[in-house]
């Protein structure tokens, strides 16, 4: 973990400049903080989903049972999803204050919504269809892939209103 954090600081560091007027808002702290908290929980959920898949294959036998791993993974999404929802909603409120519109289909907004849909499908499939275990682990991994795509690919290669967040 320390190595990854150090690598992130070295590779992803960018010099910050003055804030553009749209960013000078109390919504910055609210929106970004809620996104970071949900990212953290989704990251742990992703790691547990990968561990779950190894565990059901008979590897990592020293770890808790697959059922316990799956249950904890599910609880993480139950925790993270409302916070992620709040991050998206607070971003929309902020956008209305800054640009006069709640939603503009900016690439970052779009991929945040796609991420929301995937995790909503994860929760929905567990509650209504009874998906547990392997199916939900793969859906969780797909959700995290959307987060990674949004955080890295969108920030680096695609311009939009969130380009100031570029790496």
N, C-alpha and C. Protein backbone atom coordinates (compact mmCIF):
# COMPACT_ATOMS: atom_id res chain seq x y z
N UNK A 1 0.83 -1.19 0.00
CA UNK A 1 0.00 0.00 0.00
C UNK A 1 0.88 1.26 0.00
N UNK A 2 1.88 1.27 0.87
CA UNK A 2 2.78 2.43 0.93
C UNK A 2 3.49 2.62 -0.41
N UNK A 3 3.93 1.52 -1.00
CA UNK A 3 4.60 1.58 -2.30
C UNK A 3 3.67 2.15 -3.36
N UNK A 4 2.42 1.70 -3.38
CA UNK A 4 1.45 2.21 -4.36
C UNK A 4 1.18 3.70 -4.15
N UNK A 5 1.06 4.11 -2.90
CA UNK A 5 0.85 5.53 -2.62
C UNK A 5 2.04 6.37 -3.07
N UNK A 6 3.25 5.87 -2.79
CA UNK A 6 4.45 6.57 -3.23
C UNK A 6 4.53 6.66 -4.74
N UNK A 7 4.21 5.56 -5.41
CA UNK A 7 4.20 5.54 -6.87
C UNK A 7 3.15 6.52 -7.41
N UNK A 8 1.99 6.56 -6.79
CA UNK A 8 0.94 7.48 -7.22
C UNK A 8 1.39 8.93 -7.09
N UNK A 9 2.08 9.25 -6.01
CA UNK A 9 2.56 10.62 -5.81
C UNK A 9 3.58 10.98 -6.88
N UNK A 10 4.46 10.06 -7.21
CA UNK A 10 5.51 10.33 -8.19
C UNK A 10 4.94 10.39 -9.61
N UNK A 11 4.13 9.41 -9.98
CA UNK A 11 3.65 9.30 -11.36
C UNK A 11 2.48 10.24 -11.65
N UNK A 12 1.57 10.39 -10.70
CA UNK A 12 0.35 11.13 -10.96
C UNK A 12 0.38 12.58 -10.50
N UNK A 13 1.47 13.03 -9.93
CA UNK A 13 1.55 14.39 -9.40
C UNK A 13 1.48 15.41 -10.52
N UNK A 14 0.67 16.42 -10.31
CA UNK A 14 0.62 17.56 -11.22
C UNK A 14 0.68 18.84 -10.39
N UNK A 15 1.32 19.83 -10.95
CA UNK A 15 1.42 21.12 -10.28
C UNK A 15 0.03 21.77 -10.28
N UNK A 16 -0.40 22.25 -9.14
CA UNK A 16 -1.71 22.88 -9.10
C UNK A 16 -1.58 24.38 -9.34
N UNK A 17 -2.56 24.89 -10.01
CA UNK A 17 -2.60 26.32 -10.27
C UNK A 17 -3.75 26.93 -9.50
N UNK A 18 -4.03 28.18 -9.77
CA UNK A 18 -5.16 28.82 -9.09
C UNK A 18 -6.48 28.16 -9.51
N UNK A 19 -7.42 28.13 -8.59
CA UNK A 19 -8.72 27.54 -8.89
C UNK A 19 -9.49 28.41 -9.87
N UNK A 20 -10.13 27.76 -10.83
CA UNK A 20 -11.03 28.49 -11.73
C UNK A 20 -12.26 28.89 -10.91
N UNK A 21 -12.95 29.94 -11.32
CA UNK A 21 -14.09 30.42 -10.52
C UNK A 21 -15.13 29.34 -10.18
N UNK A 22 -15.40 28.44 -11.11
CA UNK A 22 -16.41 27.40 -10.86
C UNK A 22 -16.02 26.49 -9.70
N UNK A 23 -14.72 26.37 -9.43
CA UNK A 23 -14.25 25.50 -8.35
C UNK A 23 -14.23 26.18 -6.99
N UNK A 24 -14.42 27.48 -6.98
CA UNK A 24 -14.41 28.22 -5.71
C UNK A 24 -15.80 28.14 -5.08
N UNK A 25 -16.10 26.97 -4.54
CA UNK A 25 -17.42 26.70 -4.00
C UNK A 25 -17.30 25.73 -2.84
N UNK A 26 -18.21 25.84 -1.89
CA UNK A 26 -18.22 24.87 -0.79
C UNK A 26 -18.61 23.49 -1.29
N UNK A 27 -19.22 23.43 -2.47
CA UNK A 27 -19.58 22.13 -3.06
C UNK A 27 -18.34 21.32 -3.42
N UNK A 28 -17.21 21.97 -3.63
CA UNK A 28 -15.98 21.25 -3.94
C UNK A 28 -15.67 20.24 -2.84
N UNK A 29 -15.65 20.67 -1.61
CA UNK A 29 -15.35 19.79 -0.49
C UNK A 29 -16.40 18.69 -0.34
N UNK A 30 -17.66 19.06 -0.46
CA UNK A 30 -18.75 18.10 -0.30
C UNK A 30 -18.70 17.04 -1.39
N UNK A 31 -18.63 17.47 -2.62
CA UNK A 31 -18.66 16.56 -3.78
C UNK A 31 -17.43 15.66 -3.82
N UNK A 32 -16.26 16.25 -3.70
CA UNK A 32 -15.02 15.48 -3.81
C UNK A 32 -14.84 14.55 -2.62
N UNK A 33 -15.16 15.01 -1.42
CA UNK A 33 -15.02 14.16 -0.24
C UNK A 33 -15.92 12.93 -0.31
N UNK A 34 -17.16 13.13 -0.72
CA UNK A 34 -18.05 11.97 -0.83
C UNK A 34 -17.59 11.02 -1.93
N UNK A 35 -17.07 11.54 -3.02
CA UNK A 35 -16.55 10.67 -4.08
C UNK A 35 -15.35 9.87 -3.57
N UNK A 36 -14.46 10.50 -2.83
CA UNK A 36 -13.27 9.81 -2.33
C UNK A 36 -13.65 8.73 -1.33
N UNK A 37 -14.59 9.02 -0.44
CA UNK A 37 -15.02 8.01 0.54
C UNK A 37 -15.63 6.81 -0.18
N UNK A 38 -16.47 7.06 -1.16
CA UNK A 38 -17.07 5.94 -1.89
C UNK A 38 -16.02 5.19 -2.70
N UNK A 39 -15.06 5.91 -3.31
CA UNK A 39 -13.98 5.24 -4.03
C UNK A 39 -13.22 4.30 -3.10
N UNK A 40 -12.96 4.74 -1.88
CA UNK A 40 -12.24 3.89 -0.93
C UNK A 40 -13.00 2.61 -0.64
N UNK A 41 -14.29 2.72 -0.37
CA UNK A 41 -15.09 1.53 -0.08
C UNK A 41 -15.22 0.64 -1.31
N UNK A 42 -15.39 1.23 -2.49
CA UNK A 42 -15.46 0.44 -3.72
C UNK A 42 -14.13 -0.26 -4.00
N UNK A 43 -13.03 0.37 -3.64
CA UNK A 43 -11.71 -0.25 -3.83
C UNK A 43 -11.58 -1.50 -2.95
N UNK A 44 -11.99 -1.39 -1.70
CA UNK A 44 -11.93 -2.56 -0.82
C UNK A 44 -12.89 -3.64 -1.32
N UNK A 45 -14.07 -3.22 -1.79
CA UNK A 45 -15.03 -4.16 -2.37
C UNK A 45 -14.42 -4.89 -3.57
N UNK A 46 -13.72 -4.16 -4.42
CA UNK A 46 -13.06 -4.77 -5.58
C UNK A 46 -12.04 -5.80 -5.12
N UNK A 47 -11.20 -5.43 -4.17
CA UNK A 47 -10.17 -6.35 -3.67
C UNK A 47 -10.82 -7.61 -3.10
N UNK A 48 -11.88 -7.44 -2.34
CA UNK A 48 -12.57 -8.61 -1.77
C UNK A 48 -13.22 -9.46 -2.85
N UNK A 49 -13.70 -8.85 -3.91
CA UNK A 49 -14.29 -9.61 -5.01
C UNK A 49 -13.24 -10.48 -5.69
N UNK A 50 -12.05 -9.92 -5.88
CA UNK A 50 -10.95 -10.70 -6.46
C UNK A 50 -10.55 -11.83 -5.51
N UNK A 51 -10.42 -11.50 -4.23
CA UNK A 51 -10.08 -12.52 -3.23
C UNK A 51 -11.15 -13.61 -3.22
N UNK A 52 -12.42 -13.21 -3.30
CA UNK A 52 -13.51 -14.19 -3.33
C UNK A 52 -13.33 -15.17 -4.49
N UNK A 53 -13.04 -14.64 -5.68
CA UNK A 53 -12.89 -15.51 -6.85
C UNK A 53 -11.73 -16.50 -6.67
N UNK A 54 -10.64 -16.05 -6.06
CA UNK A 54 -9.54 -16.97 -5.77
C UNK A 54 -9.95 -17.98 -4.71
N UNK A 55 -10.68 -17.51 -3.72
CA UNK A 55 -11.07 -18.38 -2.60
C UNK A 55 -11.99 -19.50 -3.06
N UNK A 56 -12.94 -19.22 -3.95
CA UNK A 56 -13.84 -20.27 -4.43
C UNK A 56 -13.13 -21.25 -5.35
N UNK A 57 -11.99 -20.86 -5.89
CA UNK A 57 -11.18 -21.77 -6.72
C UNK A 57 -10.29 -22.66 -5.86
N UNK A 58 -10.40 -22.51 -4.53
CA UNK A 58 -9.61 -23.35 -3.63
C UNK A 58 -8.28 -22.76 -3.24
N UNK A 59 -8.02 -21.56 -3.66
CA UNK A 59 -6.78 -20.88 -3.29
C UNK A 59 -7.05 -19.99 -2.07
N UNK A 60 -6.00 -19.53 -1.43
CA UNK A 60 -6.11 -18.63 -0.28
C UNK A 60 -6.97 -19.22 0.84
N UNK A 61 -6.76 -20.49 1.13
CA UNK A 61 -7.59 -21.20 2.10
C UNK A 61 -7.46 -20.67 3.52
N UNK A 62 -6.41 -19.92 3.79
CA UNK A 62 -6.24 -19.38 5.14
C UNK A 62 -7.18 -18.20 5.42
N UNK A 63 -7.81 -17.69 4.39
CA UNK A 63 -8.73 -16.55 4.54
C UNK A 63 -10.12 -17.04 4.95
N UNK A 64 -10.98 -16.13 5.38
CA UNK A 64 -12.34 -16.53 5.76
C UNK A 64 -13.07 -17.22 4.61
N UNK A 65 -14.19 -17.83 4.93
CA UNK A 65 -14.97 -18.56 3.93
C UNK A 65 -15.44 -17.62 2.82
N UNK A 66 -15.68 -18.18 1.64
CA UNK A 66 -16.20 -17.35 0.54
C UNK A 66 -17.50 -16.63 0.92
N UNK A 67 -18.35 -17.28 1.69
CA UNK A 67 -19.60 -16.66 2.10
C UNK A 67 -19.36 -15.41 2.93
N UNK A 68 -18.43 -15.48 3.87
CA UNK A 68 -18.12 -14.30 4.70
C UNK A 68 -17.51 -13.19 3.87
N UNK A 69 -16.63 -13.55 2.93
CA UNK A 69 -16.02 -12.54 2.05
C UNK A 69 -17.10 -11.87 1.20
N UNK A 70 -18.00 -12.67 0.63
CA UNK A 70 -19.08 -12.14 -0.19
C UNK A 70 -20.00 -11.24 0.62
N UNK A 71 -20.33 -11.64 1.83
CA UNK A 71 -21.20 -10.83 2.69
C UNK A 71 -20.56 -9.48 3.02
N UNK A 72 -19.28 -9.49 3.35
CA UNK A 72 -18.60 -8.23 3.68
C UNK A 72 -18.48 -7.34 2.44
N UNK A 73 -18.22 -7.97 1.31
CA UNK A 73 -18.14 -7.23 0.05
C UNK A 73 -19.47 -6.53 -0.24
N UNK A 74 -20.56 -7.25 -0.04
CA UNK A 74 -21.90 -6.70 -0.23
C UNK A 74 -22.15 -5.52 0.71
N UNK A 75 -21.75 -5.66 1.96
CA UNK A 75 -21.94 -4.58 2.94
C UNK A 75 -21.15 -3.33 2.55
N UNK A 76 -20.00 -3.52 1.94
CA UNK A 76 -19.23 -2.37 1.48
C UNK A 76 -19.96 -1.61 0.39
N UNK A 77 -20.60 -2.33 -0.52
CA UNK A 77 -21.37 -1.66 -1.57
C UNK A 77 -22.60 -0.98 -0.97
N UNK A 78 -23.22 -1.64 0.01
CA UNK A 78 -24.35 -1.00 0.70
C UNK A 78 -23.93 0.31 1.37
N UNK A 79 -22.71 0.36 1.86
CA UNK A 79 -22.17 1.58 2.46
C UNK A 79 -21.80 2.61 1.38
N UNK A 80 -21.09 2.17 0.34
CA UNK A 80 -20.53 3.08 -0.66
C UNK A 80 -21.56 3.65 -1.63
N UNK A 81 -22.54 2.84 -2.00
CA UNK A 81 -23.48 3.27 -3.04
C UNK A 81 -24.26 4.54 -2.68
N UNK A 82 -24.82 4.65 -1.48
CA UNK A 82 -25.51 5.91 -1.16
C UNK A 82 -24.56 7.12 -1.14
N UNK A 83 -23.33 6.89 -0.72
CA UNK A 83 -22.35 7.98 -0.71
C UNK A 83 -22.00 8.38 -2.14
N UNK A 84 -21.84 7.38 -3.01
CA UNK A 84 -21.59 7.66 -4.43
C UNK A 84 -22.78 8.41 -5.04
N UNK A 85 -23.99 7.98 -4.70
CA UNK A 85 -25.19 8.66 -5.17
C UNK A 85 -25.17 10.12 -4.72
N UNK A 86 -24.81 10.35 -3.47
CA UNK A 86 -24.70 11.71 -2.95
C UNK A 86 -23.63 12.50 -3.71
N UNK A 87 -22.51 11.85 -4.04
CA UNK A 87 -21.45 12.52 -4.80
C UNK A 87 -21.97 12.97 -6.16
N UNK A 88 -22.72 12.11 -6.83
CA UNK A 88 -23.27 12.46 -8.15
C UNK A 88 -24.29 13.59 -8.01
N UNK A 89 -25.17 13.48 -7.02
CA UNK A 89 -26.20 14.52 -6.83
C UNK A 89 -25.56 15.85 -6.42
N UNK A 90 -24.60 15.81 -5.51
CA UNK A 90 -23.95 17.06 -5.10
C UNK A 90 -23.19 17.68 -6.26
N UNK A 91 -22.63 16.85 -7.13
CA UNK A 91 -21.98 17.36 -8.33
C UNK A 91 -22.97 18.05 -9.25
N UNK A 92 -24.17 17.47 -9.36
CA UNK A 92 -25.20 18.08 -10.20
C UNK A 92 -25.66 19.43 -9.62
N UNK A 93 -25.82 19.48 -8.31
CA UNK A 93 -26.21 20.74 -7.67
C UNK A 93 -25.13 21.80 -7.88
N UNK A 94 -23.90 21.38 -7.71
CA UNK A 94 -22.76 22.28 -7.92
C UNK A 94 -22.74 22.78 -9.37
N UNK A 95 -22.98 21.87 -10.32
CA UNK A 95 -22.99 22.24 -11.74
C UNK A 95 -24.07 23.28 -12.02
N UNK A 96 -25.22 23.11 -11.39
CA UNK A 96 -26.30 24.10 -11.56
C UNK A 96 -25.85 25.47 -11.06
N UNK A 97 -25.17 25.49 -9.93
CA UNK A 97 -24.68 26.76 -9.38
C UNK A 97 -23.58 27.37 -10.25
N UNK A 98 -22.71 26.53 -10.80
CA UNK A 98 -21.56 27.02 -11.56
C UNK A 98 -21.87 27.32 -13.02
N UNK A 99 -22.64 26.45 -13.67
CA UNK A 99 -22.85 26.56 -15.11
C UNK A 99 -24.31 26.71 -15.52
N UNK A 100 -25.22 26.71 -14.56
CA UNK A 100 -26.63 26.90 -14.88
C UNK A 100 -27.32 25.67 -15.43
N UNK A 101 -26.76 24.51 -15.20
CA UNK A 101 -27.40 23.26 -15.62
C UNK A 101 -26.94 22.14 -14.68
N UNK A 102 -27.87 21.22 -14.43
CA UNK A 102 -27.56 20.13 -13.51
C UNK A 102 -26.71 19.04 -14.16
N UNK A 103 -26.91 18.83 -15.43
CA UNK A 103 -26.24 17.72 -16.10
C UNK A 103 -25.91 18.14 -17.52
N UNK A 104 -24.69 17.85 -17.97
CA UNK A 104 -24.30 18.25 -19.31
C UNK A 104 -23.70 17.13 -20.14
N UNK A 105 -23.78 15.90 -19.66
CA UNK A 105 -23.21 14.74 -20.34
C UNK A 105 -21.73 14.92 -20.65
N UNK A 106 -21.04 15.63 -19.77
CA UNK A 106 -19.59 15.69 -19.78
C UNK A 106 -19.08 14.24 -19.65
N UNK A 107 -17.94 13.88 -20.28
CA UNK A 107 -17.46 12.49 -20.18
C UNK A 107 -17.35 11.98 -18.74
N UNK A 108 -16.89 12.81 -17.84
CA UNK A 108 -16.76 12.40 -16.43
C UNK A 108 -18.14 12.17 -15.81
N UNK A 109 -19.08 13.05 -16.11
CA UNK A 109 -20.45 12.87 -15.62
C UNK A 109 -21.05 11.57 -16.17
N UNK A 110 -20.84 11.35 -17.44
CA UNK A 110 -21.41 10.17 -18.08
C UNK A 110 -20.85 8.89 -17.46
N UNK A 111 -19.53 8.83 -17.28
CA UNK A 111 -18.93 7.62 -16.70
C UNK A 111 -19.24 7.49 -15.22
N UNK A 112 -19.47 8.58 -14.54
CA UNK A 112 -19.92 8.50 -13.16
C UNK A 112 -21.32 7.88 -13.11
N UNK A 113 -22.15 8.25 -14.06
CA UNK A 113 -23.49 7.68 -14.15
C UNK A 113 -23.44 6.20 -14.54
N UNK A 114 -22.57 5.85 -15.47
CA UNK A 114 -22.41 4.44 -15.84
C UNK A 114 -21.96 3.63 -14.63
N UNK A 115 -21.03 4.17 -13.86
CA UNK A 115 -20.58 3.50 -12.63
C UNK A 115 -21.76 3.33 -11.68
N UNK A 116 -22.56 4.37 -11.53
CA UNK A 116 -23.73 4.30 -10.66
C UNK A 116 -24.68 3.20 -11.12
N UNK A 117 -24.91 3.11 -12.43
CA UNK A 117 -25.81 2.08 -12.97
C UNK A 117 -25.27 0.68 -12.67
N UNK A 118 -23.98 0.47 -12.84
CA UNK A 118 -23.40 -0.86 -12.59
C UNK A 118 -23.57 -1.26 -11.13
N UNK A 119 -23.26 -0.34 -10.21
CA UNK A 119 -23.43 -0.68 -8.79
C UNK A 119 -24.90 -0.79 -8.41
N UNK A 120 -25.78 -0.03 -9.05
CA UNK A 120 -27.22 -0.19 -8.82
C UNK A 120 -27.66 -1.57 -9.29
N UNK A 121 -27.14 -2.01 -10.44
CA UNK A 121 -27.44 -3.35 -10.94
C UNK A 121 -26.91 -4.42 -9.99
N UNK A 122 -25.74 -4.18 -9.42
CA UNK A 122 -25.17 -5.11 -8.43
C UNK A 122 -26.14 -5.28 -7.26
N UNK A 123 -26.58 -4.16 -6.69
CA UNK A 123 -27.50 -4.23 -5.54
C UNK A 123 -28.84 -4.83 -5.95
N UNK A 124 -29.35 -4.41 -7.08
CA UNK A 124 -30.64 -4.91 -7.57
C UNK A 124 -30.59 -6.42 -7.81
N UNK A 125 -29.52 -6.88 -8.42
CA UNK A 125 -29.41 -8.31 -8.73
C UNK A 125 -29.29 -9.16 -7.46
N UNK A 126 -28.68 -8.63 -6.44
CA UNK A 126 -28.58 -9.37 -5.17
C UNK A 126 -29.93 -9.44 -4.48
N UNK A 127 -30.68 -8.35 -4.52
CA UNK A 127 -31.94 -8.29 -3.79
C UNK A 127 -33.07 -9.01 -4.54
N UNK A 128 -33.17 -8.80 -5.85
CA UNK A 128 -34.32 -9.33 -6.58
C UNK A 128 -34.07 -10.70 -7.21
N UNK A 129 -32.89 -10.92 -7.73
CA UNK A 129 -32.60 -12.17 -8.43
C UNK A 129 -31.86 -13.15 -7.52
N UNK A 130 -31.29 -12.63 -6.45
CA UNK A 130 -30.56 -13.49 -5.53
C UNK A 130 -29.14 -13.77 -5.94
N UNK A 131 -28.59 -12.93 -6.82
CA UNK A 131 -27.19 -13.12 -7.21
C UNK A 131 -26.30 -12.95 -5.99
N UNK A 132 -25.47 -13.93 -5.78
CA UNK A 132 -24.45 -13.85 -4.74
C UNK A 132 -23.21 -14.50 -5.30
N UNK A 133 -22.14 -14.36 -4.58
CA UNK A 133 -20.94 -15.08 -4.95
C UNK A 133 -20.31 -14.63 -6.25
N UNK A 134 -20.07 -15.59 -7.12
CA UNK A 134 -19.29 -15.35 -8.33
C UNK A 134 -19.92 -14.29 -9.24
N UNK A 135 -21.23 -14.39 -9.49
CA UNK A 135 -21.88 -13.41 -10.38
C UNK A 135 -21.76 -12.00 -9.83
N UNK A 136 -22.03 -11.85 -8.54
CA UNK A 136 -21.95 -10.49 -7.98
C UNK A 136 -20.50 -10.02 -7.88
N UNK A 137 -19.57 -10.95 -7.68
CA UNK A 137 -18.15 -10.56 -7.66
C UNK A 137 -17.74 -10.00 -9.01
N UNK A 138 -18.16 -10.65 -10.09
CA UNK A 138 -17.82 -10.15 -11.41
C UNK A 138 -18.50 -8.81 -11.71
N UNK A 139 -19.72 -8.64 -11.26
CA UNK A 139 -20.40 -7.36 -11.46
C UNK A 139 -19.71 -6.25 -10.67
N UNK A 140 -19.25 -6.59 -9.48
CA UNK A 140 -18.49 -5.63 -8.67
C UNK A 140 -17.18 -5.24 -9.37
N UNK A 141 -16.52 -6.21 -9.95
CA UNK A 141 -15.28 -5.94 -10.68
C UNK A 141 -15.57 -5.04 -11.89
N UNK A 142 -16.69 -5.27 -12.56
CA UNK A 142 -17.08 -4.41 -13.69
C UNK A 142 -17.31 -2.98 -13.22
N UNK A 143 -17.95 -2.82 -12.07
CA UNK A 143 -18.17 -1.49 -11.50
C UNK A 143 -16.86 -0.79 -11.21
N UNK A 144 -15.92 -1.53 -10.66
CA UNK A 144 -14.64 -0.91 -10.34
C UNK A 144 -13.84 -0.60 -11.61
N UNK A 145 -14.00 -1.43 -12.64
CA UNK A 145 -13.35 -1.13 -13.92
C UNK A 145 -13.87 0.19 -14.48
N UNK A 146 -15.17 0.46 -14.29
CA UNK A 146 -15.74 1.74 -14.73
C UNK A 146 -15.15 2.90 -13.93
N UNK A 147 -14.92 2.69 -12.64
CA UNK A 147 -14.30 3.73 -11.81
C UNK A 147 -12.88 4.01 -12.31
N UNK A 148 -12.11 2.96 -12.55
CA UNK A 148 -10.73 3.12 -13.01
C UNK A 148 -10.70 3.81 -14.37
N UNK A 149 -11.59 3.38 -15.27
CA UNK A 149 -11.68 4.02 -16.59
C UNK A 149 -11.99 5.50 -16.44
N UNK A 150 -12.95 5.81 -15.59
CA UNK A 150 -13.35 7.20 -15.37
C UNK A 150 -12.21 8.01 -14.76
N UNK A 151 -11.53 7.43 -13.80
CA UNK A 151 -10.50 8.17 -13.08
C UNK A 151 -9.24 8.38 -13.90
N UNK A 152 -8.84 7.38 -14.67
CA UNK A 152 -7.58 7.49 -15.41
C UNK A 152 -7.79 7.83 -16.89
N UNK A 153 -8.52 7.04 -17.62
CA UNK A 153 -8.66 7.25 -19.07
C UNK A 153 -9.36 8.58 -19.36
N UNK A 154 -10.48 8.81 -18.71
CA UNK A 154 -11.21 10.07 -18.94
C UNK A 154 -10.35 11.26 -18.56
N UNK A 155 -9.70 11.20 -17.39
CA UNK A 155 -8.87 12.33 -16.94
C UNK A 155 -7.69 12.60 -17.86
N UNK A 156 -7.08 11.56 -18.40
CA UNK A 156 -5.86 11.73 -19.19
C UNK A 156 -6.14 12.04 -20.66
N UNK A 157 -7.09 11.34 -21.25
CA UNK A 157 -7.24 11.39 -22.70
C UNK A 157 -8.44 12.16 -23.24
N UNK A 158 -9.41 12.46 -22.39
CA UNK A 158 -10.64 13.07 -22.90
C UNK A 158 -10.85 14.42 -22.22
N UNK A 159 -11.10 15.43 -23.03
CA UNK A 159 -11.32 16.76 -22.45
C UNK A 159 -12.81 16.98 -22.20
N UNK A 160 -13.06 17.75 -21.18
CA UNK A 160 -14.42 18.10 -20.79
C UNK A 160 -14.35 19.11 -19.67
N UNK A 161 -15.47 19.35 -19.04
CA UNK A 161 -15.49 20.32 -17.93
C UNK A 161 -14.65 19.87 -16.75
N UNK A 162 -14.39 18.57 -16.64
CA UNK A 162 -13.57 18.05 -15.54
C UNK A 162 -12.09 17.95 -15.92
N UNK A 163 -11.68 18.59 -16.98
CA UNK A 163 -10.29 18.51 -17.42
C UNK A 163 -9.32 19.08 -16.41
N UNK A 164 -9.78 19.98 -15.57
CA UNK A 164 -8.91 20.51 -14.52
C UNK A 164 -8.51 19.43 -13.53
N UNK A 165 -9.23 18.30 -13.54
CA UNK A 165 -8.90 17.20 -12.64
C UNK A 165 -7.89 16.27 -13.30
N UNK A 166 -7.37 16.64 -14.45
CA UNK A 166 -6.45 15.79 -15.20
C UNK A 166 -5.21 15.43 -14.42
N UNK A 167 -4.70 14.29 -14.77
CA UNK A 167 -3.51 13.78 -14.08
C UNK A 167 -2.28 14.25 -14.83
